[in-house]
Every structure is written in structure tokens, then in C-alpha cells.
Amino acid sequence: MQQRKDCSMGKCSISFASPAKDDIMQIRTYISNVLKNKKAARDTIDIIERAVMSLSEMPERGRKVLDEDIDAQGIRFIIAGNFVIFFRIDAESIIIIRILHNKRNWRELLQGDSKQVKE
């Protein structure tokens, strides 16, 4: 079995694909400006950040996606409050692909995004 360069020693580096960076900004903006709740925005982002950082120690704890096309791309997910964090474990790092509200049509969004994400 081939070991990952950084992940095999117990701590993986984490990077964010552009769509995931956009997701974080949109989540913060929506909760803060549309829902008019700055504290909830901060709390939500904190929950998401803690969940993402927890992947650095145990990336395989994320579940596989129950969709053949998406699973074939090695995409896994974890839940953080009302949000689903989709990621891929690369040879040397974890790449956060999307962070989506659990009520969104994530299959459609991921099928388009994951084909473009090469970061």
C-alpha cells in the first residue's frame, strides 16, 4: 500500500479549491447580511473551520459519496452543522472542494465542479 507523503505521518496539509473559498464567503455573507445575524455567521464559520481542521489528523473518517461518478473521483464528505464539506485526499494533502448547505442539490453542483478542480 502506497503511503501519502504528508498524511502518512499523522498530519495532512489542507488546501481549498476556488469553489470552496467562494462557498465560505457566500455562507458568511448570507448569514451576516441577509439573515442579519453576525454572531451566527461567526459561529457557523467556526464550526466549518473546526471540522475542516479535524481532517488533517484523520482524513479517512470522511464518508464516501453514494454516487458512482462522484465516488470514482475519490470525493468524500463530513458534516459540519447544516453544511456538508466535500473533499478529496490527494497524494500530499486534503483538498476541500465544496462546502454546501445540506438542502442544496450537491450532486449536480459536484458533478460540474469536481471535473474542473485540479488544485
N, C-alpha and C. Protein backbone atom coordinates (compact mmCIF):
# COMPACT_ATOMS: atom_id res chain seq x y z
N MET A 1 0.85 -1.18 0.00
CA MET A 1 0.00 0.00 0.00
C MET A 1 0.89 1.24 0.00
N GLN A 2 0.63 2.15 -0.90
CA GLN A 2 1.41 3.38 -1.00
C GLN A 2 0.98 4.37 0.07
N GLN A 3 1.97 4.90 0.81
CA GLN A 3 1.66 5.88 1.84
C GLN A 3 1.72 7.29 1.27
N ARG A 4 0.86 8.14 1.79
CA ARG A 4 0.88 9.53 1.37
C ARG A 4 2.05 10.25 2.04
N LYS A 5 2.70 11.12 1.30
CA LYS A 5 3.88 11.83 1.77
C LYS A 5 3.63 12.55 3.10
N ASP A 6 2.71 13.48 3.15
CA ASP A 6 2.45 14.26 4.35
C ASP A 6 1.44 13.58 5.27
N CYS A 7 0.46 12.92 4.71
CA CYS A 7 -0.62 12.36 5.51
C CYS A 7 -0.20 11.12 6.29
N SER A 8 0.82 10.41 5.84
CA SER A 8 1.22 9.18 6.50
C SER A 8 1.83 9.42 7.88
N MET A 9 2.29 10.63 8.12
CA MET A 9 2.92 10.93 9.40
C MET A 9 1.92 11.51 10.41
N GLY A 10 0.64 11.43 10.12
CA GLY A 10 -0.36 11.83 11.09
C GLY A 10 -0.97 13.20 10.90
N LYS A 11 -0.42 14.01 10.00
CA LYS A 11 -0.99 15.34 9.80
C LYS A 11 -0.91 15.71 8.32
N CYS A 12 -2.06 15.93 7.73
CA CYS A 12 -2.12 16.31 6.32
C CYS A 12 -2.27 17.81 6.19
N SER A 13 -1.71 18.35 5.12
CA SER A 13 -1.95 19.77 4.84
C SER A 13 -3.32 19.88 4.17
N ILE A 14 -3.93 21.04 4.31
CA ILE A 14 -5.27 21.26 3.76
C ILE A 14 -5.23 22.46 2.84
N SER A 15 -5.86 22.31 1.67
CA SER A 15 -5.99 23.44 0.75
C SER A 15 -7.45 23.53 0.31
N PHE A 16 -7.82 24.70 -0.17
CA PHE A 16 -9.19 24.95 -0.60
C PHE A 16 -9.21 25.24 -2.09
N ALA A 17 -10.07 24.53 -2.81
CA ALA A 17 -10.31 24.84 -4.21
C ALA A 17 -11.09 26.15 -4.27
N SER A 18 -11.00 26.84 -5.37
CA SER A 18 -11.69 28.13 -5.52
C SER A 18 -13.18 28.06 -5.18
N PRO A 19 -13.91 27.04 -5.66
CA PRO A 19 -15.34 26.99 -5.30
C PRO A 19 -15.58 26.90 -3.79
N ALA A 20 -14.72 26.21 -3.06
CA ALA A 20 -14.88 26.11 -1.61
C ALA A 20 -14.61 27.45 -0.94
N LYS A 21 -13.62 28.18 -1.43
CA LYS A 21 -13.35 29.53 -0.89
C LYS A 21 -14.57 30.43 -1.12
N ASP A 22 -15.15 30.34 -2.31
CA ASP A 22 -16.35 31.12 -2.61
C ASP A 22 -17.50 30.71 -1.71
N ASP A 23 -17.63 29.40 -1.46
CA ASP A 23 -18.71 28.92 -0.58
C ASP A 23 -18.62 29.54 0.80
N ILE A 24 -17.42 29.59 1.36
CA ILE A 24 -17.24 30.16 2.70
C ILE A 24 -17.66 31.63 2.72
N MET A 25 -17.23 32.37 1.71
CA MET A 25 -17.59 33.79 1.65
C MET A 25 -19.11 33.97 1.51
N GLN A 26 -19.74 33.14 0.68
CA GLN A 26 -21.19 33.24 0.49
C GLN A 26 -21.96 32.86 1.75
N ILE A 27 -21.49 31.86 2.45
CA ILE A 27 -22.14 31.45 3.71
C ILE A 27 -22.07 32.60 4.72
N ARG A 28 -20.87 33.14 4.89
CA ARG A 28 -20.68 34.25 5.83
C ARG A 28 -21.56 35.44 5.45
N THR A 29 -21.53 35.83 4.18
CA THR A 29 -22.29 36.99 3.71
C THR A 29 -23.79 36.77 3.88
N TYR A 30 -24.28 35.60 3.51
CA TYR A 30 -25.71 35.33 3.60
C TYR A 30 -26.20 35.42 5.05
N ILE A 31 -25.51 34.72 5.95
CA ILE A 31 -25.96 34.71 7.34
C ILE A 31 -25.83 36.10 7.96
N SER A 32 -24.72 36.76 7.68
CA SER A 32 -24.46 38.06 8.29
C SER A 32 -25.35 39.17 7.72
N ASN A 33 -25.45 39.24 6.40
CA ASN A 33 -26.16 40.36 5.75
C ASN A 33 -27.62 40.10 5.44
N VAL A 34 -27.94 38.91 4.96
CA VAL A 34 -29.32 38.62 4.60
C VAL A 34 -30.13 38.24 5.85
N LEU A 35 -29.58 37.34 6.64
CA LEU A 35 -30.27 36.94 7.87
C LEU A 35 -30.03 37.91 9.01
N LYS A 36 -29.09 38.85 8.79
CA LYS A 36 -28.79 39.90 9.77
C LYS A 36 -28.37 39.33 11.13
N ASN A 37 -27.49 38.32 11.09
CA ASN A 37 -27.05 37.69 12.33
C ASN A 37 -25.54 37.45 12.26
N LYS A 38 -24.77 38.45 12.63
CA LYS A 38 -23.31 38.38 12.56
C LYS A 38 -22.73 37.31 13.49
N LYS A 39 -23.33 37.16 14.67
CA LYS A 39 -22.85 36.14 15.60
C LYS A 39 -23.06 34.74 15.02
N ALA A 40 -24.21 34.49 14.45
CA ALA A 40 -24.48 33.18 13.84
C ALA A 40 -23.52 32.93 12.67
N ALA A 41 -23.19 33.97 11.92
CA ALA A 41 -22.24 33.83 10.82
C ALA A 41 -20.88 33.41 11.36
N ARG A 42 -20.41 34.08 12.41
CA ARG A 42 -19.11 33.72 13.01
C ARG A 42 -19.14 32.30 13.56
N ASP A 43 -20.22 31.96 14.26
CA ASP A 43 -20.34 30.62 14.85
C ASP A 43 -20.35 29.54 13.77
N THR A 44 -21.07 29.79 12.69
CA THR A 44 -21.15 28.82 11.59
C THR A 44 -19.79 28.62 10.94
N ILE A 45 -19.09 29.70 10.69
CA ILE A 45 -17.76 29.60 10.08
C ILE A 45 -16.80 28.88 11.03
N ASP A 46 -16.92 29.13 12.32
CA ASP A 46 -16.09 28.43 13.31
C ASP A 46 -16.34 26.92 13.26
N ILE A 47 -17.60 26.53 13.20
CA ILE A 47 -17.96 25.10 13.13
C ILE A 47 -17.34 24.47 11.88
N ILE A 48 -17.46 25.16 10.76
CA ILE A 48 -16.91 24.65 9.49
C ILE A 48 -15.39 24.55 9.59
N GLU A 49 -14.74 25.59 10.11
CA GLU A 49 -13.27 25.59 10.21
C GLU A 49 -12.77 24.47 11.12
N ARG A 50 -13.45 24.24 12.24
CA ARG A 50 -13.04 23.15 13.15
C ARG A 50 -13.18 21.79 12.45
N ALA A 51 -14.26 21.61 11.72
CA ALA A 51 -14.46 20.35 11.01
C ALA A 51 -13.39 20.14 9.95
N VAL A 52 -13.07 21.19 9.20
CA VAL A 52 -12.04 21.10 8.17
C VAL A 52 -10.69 20.75 8.81
N MET A 53 -10.33 21.46 9.87
CA MET A 53 -9.04 21.22 10.52
C MET A 53 -8.95 19.82 11.11
N SER A 54 -10.07 19.27 11.54
CA SER A 54 -10.06 17.91 12.10
C SER A 54 -9.68 16.87 11.04
N LEU A 55 -9.86 17.20 9.79
CA LEU A 55 -9.50 16.27 8.71
C LEU A 55 -7.99 16.08 8.62
N SER A 56 -7.21 17.05 9.05
CA SER A 56 -5.76 16.94 8.92
C SER A 56 -5.21 15.75 9.71
N GLU A 57 -5.89 15.36 10.76
CA GLU A 57 -5.43 14.24 11.59
C GLU A 57 -6.03 12.90 11.16
N MET A 58 -7.26 12.93 10.65
CA MET A 58 -7.94 11.68 10.29
C MET A 58 -8.78 11.87 9.02
N PRO A 59 -8.16 12.02 7.87
CA PRO A 59 -8.92 12.31 6.66
C PRO A 59 -9.85 11.17 6.22
N GLU A 60 -9.48 9.93 6.52
CA GLU A 60 -10.31 8.81 6.08
C GLU A 60 -11.61 8.68 6.86
N ARG A 61 -11.78 9.49 7.90
CA ARG A 61 -13.05 9.42 8.65
C ARG A 61 -14.21 9.94 7.83
N GLY A 62 -13.93 10.72 6.82
CA GLY A 62 -14.99 11.20 5.94
C GLY A 62 -15.62 10.04 5.19
N ARG A 63 -16.90 10.13 4.99
CA ARG A 63 -17.63 9.06 4.30
C ARG A 63 -17.53 9.22 2.80
N LYS A 64 -17.65 8.09 2.11
CA LYS A 64 -17.68 8.13 0.65
C LYS A 64 -19.06 8.61 0.20
N VAL A 65 -19.08 9.27 -0.94
CA VAL A 65 -20.32 9.78 -1.51
C VAL A 65 -21.03 8.63 -2.22
N LEU A 66 -22.34 8.49 -1.97
CA LEU A 66 -23.10 7.40 -2.58
C LEU A 66 -23.57 7.79 -3.99
N ASP A 67 -22.62 8.06 -4.83
CA ASP A 67 -22.88 8.38 -6.23
C ASP A 67 -21.66 7.86 -6.98
N GLU A 68 -21.87 6.95 -7.92
CA GLU A 68 -20.75 6.29 -8.60
C GLU A 68 -19.78 7.26 -9.25
N ASP A 69 -20.29 8.24 -10.00
CA ASP A 69 -19.42 9.17 -10.71
C ASP A 69 -18.59 10.01 -9.75
N ILE A 70 -19.22 10.48 -8.68
CA ILE A 70 -18.51 11.31 -7.71
C ILE A 70 -17.55 10.47 -6.88
N ASP A 71 -17.98 9.27 -6.48
CA ASP A 71 -17.12 8.38 -5.72
C ASP A 71 -15.88 7.98 -6.53
N ALA A 72 -16.05 7.80 -7.83
CA ALA A 72 -14.92 7.43 -8.70
C ALA A 72 -13.83 8.50 -8.70
N GLN A 73 -14.19 9.72 -8.34
CA GLN A 73 -13.22 10.81 -8.28
C GLN A 73 -12.58 10.91 -6.91
N GLY A 74 -12.93 10.01 -6.01
CA GLY A 74 -12.32 9.98 -4.68
C GLY A 74 -12.85 11.04 -3.73
N ILE A 75 -14.03 11.56 -4.00
CA ILE A 75 -14.60 12.61 -3.16
C ILE A 75 -15.28 11.99 -1.95
N ARG A 76 -14.98 12.54 -0.79
CA ARG A 76 -15.56 12.12 0.49
C ARG A 76 -16.24 13.32 1.12
N PHE A 77 -16.94 13.11 2.25
CA PHE A 77 -17.60 14.24 2.90
C PHE A 77 -17.67 14.05 4.40
N ILE A 78 -17.81 15.19 5.09
CA ILE A 78 -18.12 15.20 6.52
C ILE A 78 -19.21 16.25 6.72
N ILE A 79 -19.92 16.13 7.81
CA ILE A 79 -20.99 17.05 8.16
C ILE A 79 -20.46 18.05 9.19
N ALA A 80 -20.82 19.32 9.01
CA ALA A 80 -20.47 20.37 9.97
C ALA A 80 -21.71 21.23 10.16
N GLY A 81 -22.47 20.96 11.20
CA GLY A 81 -23.72 21.68 11.41
C GLY A 81 -24.69 21.41 10.27
N ASN A 82 -25.17 22.47 9.62
CA ASN A 82 -26.08 22.32 8.48
C ASN A 82 -25.35 22.24 7.15
N PHE A 83 -24.05 22.07 7.19
CA PHE A 83 -23.25 22.09 5.96
C PHE A 83 -22.53 20.77 5.73
N VAL A 84 -22.30 20.48 4.47
CA VAL A 84 -21.58 19.28 4.06
C VAL A 84 -20.28 19.74 3.42
N ILE A 85 -19.18 19.22 3.93
CA ILE A 85 -17.86 19.57 3.42
C ILE A 85 -17.38 18.43 2.55
N PHE A 86 -17.19 18.71 1.27
CA PHE A 86 -16.73 17.70 0.32
C PHE A 86 -15.24 17.90 0.08
N PHE A 87 -14.51 16.80 0.08
CA PHE A 87 -13.06 16.89 -0.06
C PHE A 87 -12.50 15.66 -0.77
N ARG A 88 -11.26 15.81 -1.19
CA ARG A 88 -10.54 14.71 -1.83
C ARG A 88 -9.19 14.60 -1.13
N ILE A 89 -8.75 13.37 -0.89
CA ILE A 89 -7.44 13.15 -0.30
C ILE A 89 -6.47 12.95 -1.45
N ASP A 90 -5.54 13.86 -1.57
CA ASP A 90 -4.54 13.85 -2.63
C ASP A 90 -3.32 13.09 -2.14
N ALA A 91 -2.33 12.94 -2.98
CA ALA A 91 -1.10 12.26 -2.59
C ALA A 91 -0.42 12.95 -1.41
N GLU A 92 -0.52 14.27 -1.33
CA GLU A 92 0.20 15.01 -0.30
C GLU A 92 -0.69 15.89 0.57
N SER A 93 -1.98 15.99 0.28
CA SER A 93 -2.81 16.91 1.04
C SER A 93 -4.29 16.54 0.92
N ILE A 94 -5.09 17.33 1.62
CA ILE A 94 -6.54 17.23 1.51
C ILE A 94 -7.00 18.48 0.78
N ILE A 95 -7.82 18.29 -0.22
CA ILE A 95 -8.34 19.43 -0.98
C ILE A 95 -9.83 19.56 -0.67
N ILE A 96 -10.22 20.68 -0.10
CA ILE A 96 -11.63 20.96 0.16
C ILE A 96 -12.22 21.43 -1.16
N ILE A 97 -13.21 20.72 -1.64
CA ILE A 97 -13.79 21.00 -2.96
C ILE A 97 -14.98 21.94 -2.87
N ARG A 98 -15.92 21.63 -2.00
CA ARG A 98 -17.11 22.47 -1.81
C ARG A 98 -17.56 22.40 -0.37
N ILE A 99 -18.27 23.43 0.06
CA ILE A 99 -18.92 23.48 1.37
C ILE A 99 -20.34 23.94 1.08
N LEU A 100 -21.29 23.02 1.18
CA LEU A 100 -22.66 23.29 0.74
C LEU A 100 -23.66 23.04 1.85
N HIS A 101 -24.72 23.84 1.86
CA HIS A 101 -25.81 23.62 2.80
C HIS A 101 -26.41 22.25 2.49
N ASN A 102 -26.81 21.53 3.53
CA ASN A 102 -27.29 20.16 3.34
C ASN A 102 -28.58 20.06 2.53
N LYS A 103 -29.26 21.15 2.29
CA LYS A 103 -30.50 21.10 1.50
C LYS A 103 -30.29 21.41 0.01
N ARG A 104 -29.06 21.76 -0.35
CA ARG A 104 -28.76 22.07 -1.75
C ARG A 104 -28.62 20.79 -2.56
N ASN A 105 -28.75 20.93 -3.86
CA ASN A 105 -28.58 19.79 -4.76
C ASN A 105 -27.08 19.58 -5.00
N TRP A 106 -26.43 18.94 -4.04
CA TRP A 106 -24.97 18.81 -4.11
C TRP A 106 -24.51 17.90 -5.24
N ARG A 107 -25.31 16.91 -5.61
CA ARG A 107 -24.88 16.03 -6.71
C ARG A 107 -24.66 16.82 -8.00
N GLU A 108 -25.61 17.66 -8.32
CA GLU A 108 -25.49 18.47 -9.53
C GLU A 108 -24.30 19.42 -9.45
N LEU A 109 -24.14 20.07 -8.30
CA LEU A 109 -23.04 21.01 -8.12
C LEU A 109 -21.68 20.31 -8.18
N LEU A 110 -21.57 19.16 -7.54
CA LEU A 110 -20.29 18.45 -7.52
C LEU A 110 -19.93 17.87 -8.88
N GLN A 111 -20.90 17.39 -9.61
CA GLN A 111 -20.59 16.81 -10.91
C GLN A 111 -19.97 17.83 -11.85
N GLY A 112 -20.40 19.07 -11.76
CA GLY A 112 -19.80 20.11 -12.58
C GLY A 112 -18.47 20.58 -12.02
N ASP A 113 -18.40 20.80 -10.70
CA ASP A 113 -17.19 21.35 -10.08
C ASP A 113 -16.02 20.37 -10.07
N SER A 114 -16.27 19.13 -9.66
CA SER A 114 -15.17 18.22 -9.44
C SER A 114 -14.40 17.89 -10.72
N LYS A 115 -15.05 18.02 -11.85
CA LYS A 115 -14.36 17.78 -13.12
C LYS A 115 -13.39 18.92 -13.44
N GLN A 116 -13.68 20.10 -12.88
CA GLN A 116 -12.84 21.26 -13.15
C GLN A 116 -11.74 21.45 -12.12
N VAL A 117 -11.90 20.88 -10.93
CA VAL A 117 -10.97 21.12 -9.83
C VAL A 117 -9.73 20.24 -10.01
N LYS A 118 -8.60 20.86 -10.19
CA LYS A 118 -7.34 20.13 -10.31
C LYS A 118 -6.31 20.65 -9.32
N GLU A 119 -6.74 21.53 -8.41
CA GLU A 119 -5.83 22.17 -7.45
C GLU A 119 -5.32 21.19 -6.44
